[in-house]
């Protein structure tokens, strides 16, 4: 079972890597409270799997994600664990310029899940 503290630590480690690119990831409350530990995710999702997914995502697709526009949506699909994470882009303008915030809307382990998003990043 993944705790909210583990999710926060994951976000912090991912965002530390992405900070220099003015980009971050944030898990929605729905992910943290309802979906990450949902018993329909068989086997249960482990924090090590999420770490691996985000490490591969940032290594392989960082530039492509940065090219997405405000309110664009995309899916992260792990071809190994069958974890899917639909996301939305929120461009925040501040005194440093633009910050590319990616919000993970939900999460599920489902091998045959059909994404409605035309943009999908395979890891």
Protein backbone atom coordinates (compact mmCIF):
# COMPACT_ATOMS: atom_id res chain seq x y z
CA UNK A 1 0.00 0.00 0.00
CA UNK A 2 1.34 3.42 -1.02
CA UNK A 3 1.03 6.20 1.56
CA UNK A 4 0.44 9.90 0.82
CA UNK A 5 3.92 10.56 2.23
CA UNK A 6 5.43 8.19 -0.36
CA UNK A 7 3.53 9.97 -3.15
CA UNK A 8 4.83 13.32 -1.89
CA UNK A 9 8.40 11.98 -1.78
CA UNK A 10 8.00 10.65 -5.34
CA UNK A 11 6.71 14.02 -6.57
CA UNK A 12 9.60 15.80 -4.85
CA UNK A 13 12.25 13.54 -6.38
CA UNK A 14 10.76 13.75 -9.89
CA UNK A 15 10.30 17.51 -9.64
CA UNK A 16 13.86 18.02 -8.41
CA UNK A 17 15.08 16.53 -11.71
CA UNK A 18 12.60 18.58 -13.77
CA UNK A 19 13.01 21.91 -11.95
CA UNK A 20 15.73 23.20 -14.31
CA UNK A 21 13.33 22.65 -17.22
CA UNK A 22 10.51 24.63 -15.54
CA UNK A 23 8.43 21.46 -15.43
CA UNK A 24 6.80 19.42 -12.67
CA UNK A 25 4.38 16.56 -12.04
CA UNK A 26 1.61 16.55 -9.45
CA UNK A 27 -0.68 13.71 -8.46
CA UNK A 28 -4.34 14.71 -8.15
CA UNK A 29 -6.18 14.07 -4.89
CA UNK A 30 -8.15 11.40 -6.77
CA UNK A 31 -4.92 9.50 -7.44
CA UNK A 32 -3.69 9.75 -3.86
CA UNK A 33 -6.97 9.08 -2.05
CA UNK A 34 -8.89 6.78 -4.37
CA UNK A 35 -6.99 5.15 -7.20
CA UNK A 36 -3.39 4.28 -6.35
CA UNK A 37 -4.41 1.69 -3.73
CA UNK A 38 -7.63 0.58 -5.40
CA UNK A 39 -8.00 -3.22 -5.12
CA UNK A 40 -8.91 -3.39 -8.84
CA UNK A 41 -5.22 -2.70 -9.52
CA UNK A 42 -4.08 -6.31 -9.50
CA UNK A 43 -1.39 -6.68 -8.34
CA UNK A 44 -1.37 -3.54 -6.21
CA UNK A 45 0.70 -0.65 -7.56
CA UNK A 46 4.05 -0.28 -5.79
CA UNK A 47 6.01 2.94 -5.28
CA UNK A 48 9.08 1.36 -6.93
CA UNK A 49 7.04 0.89 -10.12
CA UNK A 50 6.05 4.55 -10.13
CA UNK A 51 9.67 5.61 -9.55
CA UNK A 52 10.75 3.50 -12.50
CA UNK A 53 7.99 4.87 -14.74
CA UNK A 54 8.85 8.49 -13.97
CA UNK A 55 12.58 7.86 -14.39
CA UNK A 56 12.00 6.37 -17.84
CA UNK A 57 9.45 9.05 -18.75
CA UNK A 58 11.80 11.93 -17.94
CA UNK A 59 14.71 10.25 -19.73
CA UNK A 60 12.75 9.40 -22.89
CA UNK A 61 9.98 11.98 -23.29
CA UNK A 62 10.85 15.17 -21.38
CA UNK A 63 11.20 17.34 -24.51
CA UNK A 64 8.00 16.03 -26.08
CA UNK A 65 6.06 16.78 -22.90
CA UNK A 66 7.51 20.28 -22.81
CA UNK A 67 6.16 20.84 -26.34
CA UNK A 68 2.59 20.22 -25.22
CA UNK A 69 0.33 23.24 -24.77
CA UNK A 70 -1.89 24.44 -21.94
CA UNK A 71 -4.88 22.11 -21.39
CA UNK A 72 -3.42 19.37 -23.61
CA UNK A 73 -3.91 15.86 -22.29
CA UNK A 74 -1.73 12.79 -22.61
CA UNK A 75 -1.37 9.28 -21.26
CA UNK A 76 1.66 7.62 -19.71
CA UNK A 77 1.57 3.89 -20.42
CA UNK A 78 4.03 1.44 -18.92
CA UNK A 79 4.44 -1.49 -21.29
CA UNK A 80 5.91 -3.63 -18.51
CA UNK A 81 3.57 -3.09 -15.57
CA UNK A 82 0.47 -2.04 -17.59
CA UNK A 83 0.09 1.05 -15.42
CA UNK A 84 -1.71 3.92 -17.17
CA UNK A 85 -1.71 7.53 -16.01
CA UNK A 86 -3.85 10.04 -17.91
CA UNK A 87 -2.46 13.55 -17.42
CA UNK A 88 -3.32 17.17 -18.17
CA UNK A 89 -1.00 20.10 -18.87
CA UNK A 90 -1.35 23.32 -16.91
CA UNK A 91 0.95 26.14 -18.01
CA UNK A 92 1.46 28.55 -15.14
CA UNK A 93 2.95 31.96 -15.82
CA UNK A 94 4.98 33.52 -13.02
CA UNK A 95 7.76 36.08 -12.66
CA UNK A 96 10.28 33.45 -13.85
CA UNK A 97 8.38 32.78 -17.09
CA UNK A 98 6.27 29.73 -17.84
CA UNK A 99 6.11 26.65 -15.65
CA UNK A 100 4.86 23.42 -17.21
CA UNK A 101 2.78 21.63 -14.54
CA UNK A 102 1.59 18.14 -15.47
CA UNK A 103 -1.27 16.80 -13.38
CA UNK A 104 -1.75 13.04 -13.11
CA UNK A 105 -5.53 12.78 -13.18
CA UNK A 106 -5.91 9.11 -12.33
CA UNK A 107 -3.96 5.87 -12.30
CA UNK A 108 -4.85 2.27 -13.04
CA UNK A 109 -3.23 -1.05 -13.83
CA UNK A 110 -5.05 -2.37 -16.86
CA UNK A 111 -3.38 -3.99 -19.86
CA UNK A 112 -6.25 -3.42 -22.28
CA UNK A 113 -7.12 0.13 -21.24
CA UNK A 114 -8.01 2.36 -24.18
CA UNK A 115 -6.78 5.92 -23.84
CA UNK A 116 -8.91 8.71 -25.31
CA UNK A 117 -5.77 10.82 -25.64
CA UNK A 118 -4.09 10.99 -29.00
CA UNK A 119 -0.76 11.65 -27.26
CA UNK A 120 0.64 8.66 -25.42
CA UNK A 121 4.11 8.19 -23.96
CA UNK A 122 5.24 4.58 -23.72
CA UNK A 123 7.76 3.68 -21.05
